[in-house]
Amino acid sequence: MLKTFNAILKNNSIQWVDETPEIELDSSIKVHITLLEEIAAPQQKSNSQKMAEALKKISKKNILTEIDPQKWQQEIRQDRSLPNRD
């Protein structure tokens, strides 16, 4: 039975998109590859790139300068009662 997997061929290497087939690392298997003709779309930025850009914007606005780090840490690390200890 033939199974179909979505992948991207980049620099002569296959990058699996959704499901990755279970293939033993040292084995060889026959494959049929169909190249799908698509209009080249601009590459979407990865989430890590978007996150880095967002953090740069935040750092440029200096929104955290009003927060005293020592006071903030004391508020976050308030003592709490331990369970079963009266």
C-alpha atoms as a PDB file:
ATOM      1  CA  MET A   1       0.000   0.000   0.000  1.00  0.00           C
ATOM      2  CA  LEU A   2       1.345   3.425  -0.934  1.00  0.00           C
ATOM      3  CA  LYS A   3       1.413   6.127   1.715  1.00  0.00           C
ATOM      4  CA  THR A   4       1.692   9.833   0.999  1.00  0.00           C
ATOM      5  CA  PHE A   5       3.648  12.233   3.199  1.00  0.00           C
ATOM      6  CA  ASN A   6       3.985  15.992   2.841  1.00  0.00           C
ATOM      7  CA  ALA A   7       7.545  17.233   2.601  1.00  0.00           C
ATOM      8  CA  ILE A   8       9.673  20.041   1.254  1.00  0.00           C
ATOM      9  CA  LEU A   9      12.718  19.342  -0.882  1.00  0.00           C
ATOM     10  CA  LYS A  10      15.357  21.903   0.058  1.00  0.00           C
ATOM     11  CA  ASN A  11      19.056  21.776  -0.837  1.00  0.00           C
ATOM     12  CA  ASN A  12      18.561  18.202  -2.026  1.00  0.00           C
ATOM     13  CA  SER A  13      17.272  17.126   1.412  1.00  0.00           C
ATOM     14  CA  ILE A  14      13.736  16.207   2.411  1.00  0.00           C
ATOM     15  CA  GLN A  15      12.149  18.133   5.288  1.00  0.00           C
ATOM     16  CA  TRP A  16       8.954  16.456   6.536  1.00  0.00           C
ATOM     17  CA  VAL A  17       6.043  18.860   6.990  1.00  0.00           C
ATOM     18  CA  ASP A  18       3.369  16.952   8.903  1.00  0.00           C
ATOM     19  CA  GLU A  19       3.790  13.297   9.663  1.00  0.00           C
ATOM     20  CA  THR A  20       7.229  11.702   9.557  1.00  0.00           C
ATOM     21  CA  PRO A  21       7.365   8.161   8.178  1.00  0.00           C
ATOM     22  CA  GLU A  22       8.842   5.475  10.390  1.00  0.00           C
ATOM     23  CA  ILE A  23      12.017   4.444   8.589  1.00  0.00           C
ATOM     24  CA  GLU A  24      15.004   2.694  10.105  1.00  0.00           C
ATOM     25  CA  LEU A  25      18.039   4.963   9.919  1.00  0.00           C
ATOM     26  CA  ASP A  26      20.304   2.478   8.134  1.00  0.00           C
ATOM     27  CA  SER A  27      17.687   1.224   5.670  1.00  0.00           C
ATOM     28  CA  SER A  28      16.997   2.259   2.096  1.00  0.00           C
ATOM     29  CA  ILE A  29      13.513   2.418   0.595  1.00  0.00           C
ATOM     30  CA  LYS A  30      12.172   3.204  -2.854  1.00  0.00           C
ATOM     31  CA  VAL A  31      10.200   6.428  -3.174  1.00  0.00           C
ATOM     32  CA  HIS A  32       8.251   8.249  -5.886  1.00  0.00           C
ATOM     33  CA  ILE A  33       8.599  12.007  -5.610  1.00  0.00           C
ATOM     34  CA  THR A  34       6.145  14.316  -7.347  1.00  0.00           C
ATOM     35  CA  LEU A  35       7.247  17.924  -7.577  1.00  0.00           C
ATOM     36  CA  LEU A  36       4.320  20.281  -7.042  1.00  0.00           C
ATOM     37  CA  GLU A  37       4.502  23.426  -9.126  1.00  0.00           C
ATOM     38  CA  GLU A  38       3.709  26.384  -6.910  1.00  0.00           C
ATOM     39  CA  ILE A  39       4.223  30.094  -7.170  1.00  0.00           C
ATOM     40  CA  ALA A  40       7.077  30.968  -4.863  1.00  0.00           C
ATOM     41  CA  ALA A  41       5.499  32.579  -1.817  1.00  0.00           C
ATOM     42  CA  PRO A  42       7.609  34.748   0.464  1.00  0.00           C
ATOM     43  CA  GLN A  43       8.963  32.702   3.333  1.00  0.00           C
ATOM     44  CA  GLN A  44       7.014  33.146   6.511  1.00  0.00           C
ATOM     45  CA  LYS A  45       8.997  34.120   9.551  1.00  0.00           C
ATOM     46  CA  SER A  46       9.322  31.477  12.203  1.00  0.00           C
ATOM     47  CA  ASN A  47       7.789  32.015  15.613  1.00  0.00           C
ATOM     48  CA  SER A  48      11.222  32.507  17.153  1.00  0.00           C
ATOM     49  CA  GLN A  49      12.001  35.321  14.708  1.00  0.00           C
ATOM     50  CA  LYS A  50       8.656  36.987  15.483  1.00  0.00           C
ATOM     51  CA  MET A  51       9.331  36.619  19.219  1.00  0.00           C
ATOM     52  CA  ALA A  52      12.796  38.160  18.885  1.00  0.00           C
ATOM     53  CA  GLU A  53      11.387  41.134  16.987  1.00  0.00           C
ATOM     54  CA  ALA A  54       8.655  41.646  19.596  1.00  0.00           C
ATOM     55  CA  LEU A  55      11.204  41.555  22.426  1.00  0.00           C
ATOM     56  CA  LYS A  56      13.390  44.103  20.622  1.00  0.00           C
ATOM     57  CA  LYS A  57      10.409  46.455  20.304  1.00  0.00           C
ATOM     58  CA  ILE A  58       9.634  46.065  24.012  1.00  0.00           C
ATOM     59  CA  SER A  59      13.246  46.722  24.998  1.00  0.00           C
ATOM     60  CA  LYS A  60      13.358  49.901  22.892  1.00  0.00           C
ATOM     61  CA  LYS A  61      10.298  51.273  24.705  1.00  0.00           C
ATOM     62  CA  ASN A  62      11.965  50.818  28.138  1.00  0.00           C
ATOM     63  CA  ILE A  63       8.638  49.843  29.691  1.00  0.00           C
ATOM     64  CA  LEU A  64      10.289  47.921  32.518  1.00  0.00           C
ATOM     65  CA  THR A  65      12.389  50.828  33.819  1.00  0.00           C
ATOM     66  CA  GLU A  66       9.644  51.818  36.273  1.00  0.00           C
ATOM     67  CA  ILE A  67       9.789  48.426  38.000  1.00  0.00           C
ATOM     68  CA  ASP A  68      12.226  48.024  40.881  1.00  0.00           C
ATOM     69  CA  PRO A  69      13.682  44.522  40.352  1.00  0.00           C
ATOM     70  CA  GLN A  70      14.442  43.962  44.030  1.00  0.00           C
ATOM     71  CA  LYS A  71      10.937  44.940  45.128  1.00  0.00           C
ATOM     72  CA  TRP A  72       9.416  42.828  42.339  1.00  0.00           C
ATOM     73  CA  GLN A  73      11.413  39.772  43.422  1.00  0.00           C
ATOM     74  CA  GLN A  74      10.352  40.219  47.061  1.00  0.00           C
ATOM     75  CA  GLU A  75       6.696  40.398  46.015  1.00  0.00           C
ATOM     76  CA  ILE A  76       6.990  37.295  43.847  1.00  0.00           C
ATOM     77  CA  ARG A  77       8.847  35.255  46.475  1.00  0.00           C
ATOM     78  CA  GLN A  78       6.552  35.960  49.417  1.00  0.00           C
ATOM     79  CA  ASP A  79       6.706  33.403  52.174  1.00  0.00           C
ATOM     80  CA  ARG A  80       3.843  30.952  52.203  1.00  0.00           C
ATOM     81  CA  SER A  81       2.780  28.421  54.766  1.00  0.00           C
ATOM     82  CA  LEU A  82       3.941  24.909  54.067  1.00  0.00           C
ATOM     83  CA  PRO A  83       1.361  22.112  53.968  1.00  0.00           C
ATOM     84  CA  ASN A  84       0.972  20.031  57.163  1.00  0.00           C
ATOM     85  CA  ARG A  85       3.194  22.427  59.142  1.00  0.00           C
ATOM     86  CA  ASP A  86       1.471  24.450  61.816  1.00  0.00           C
END
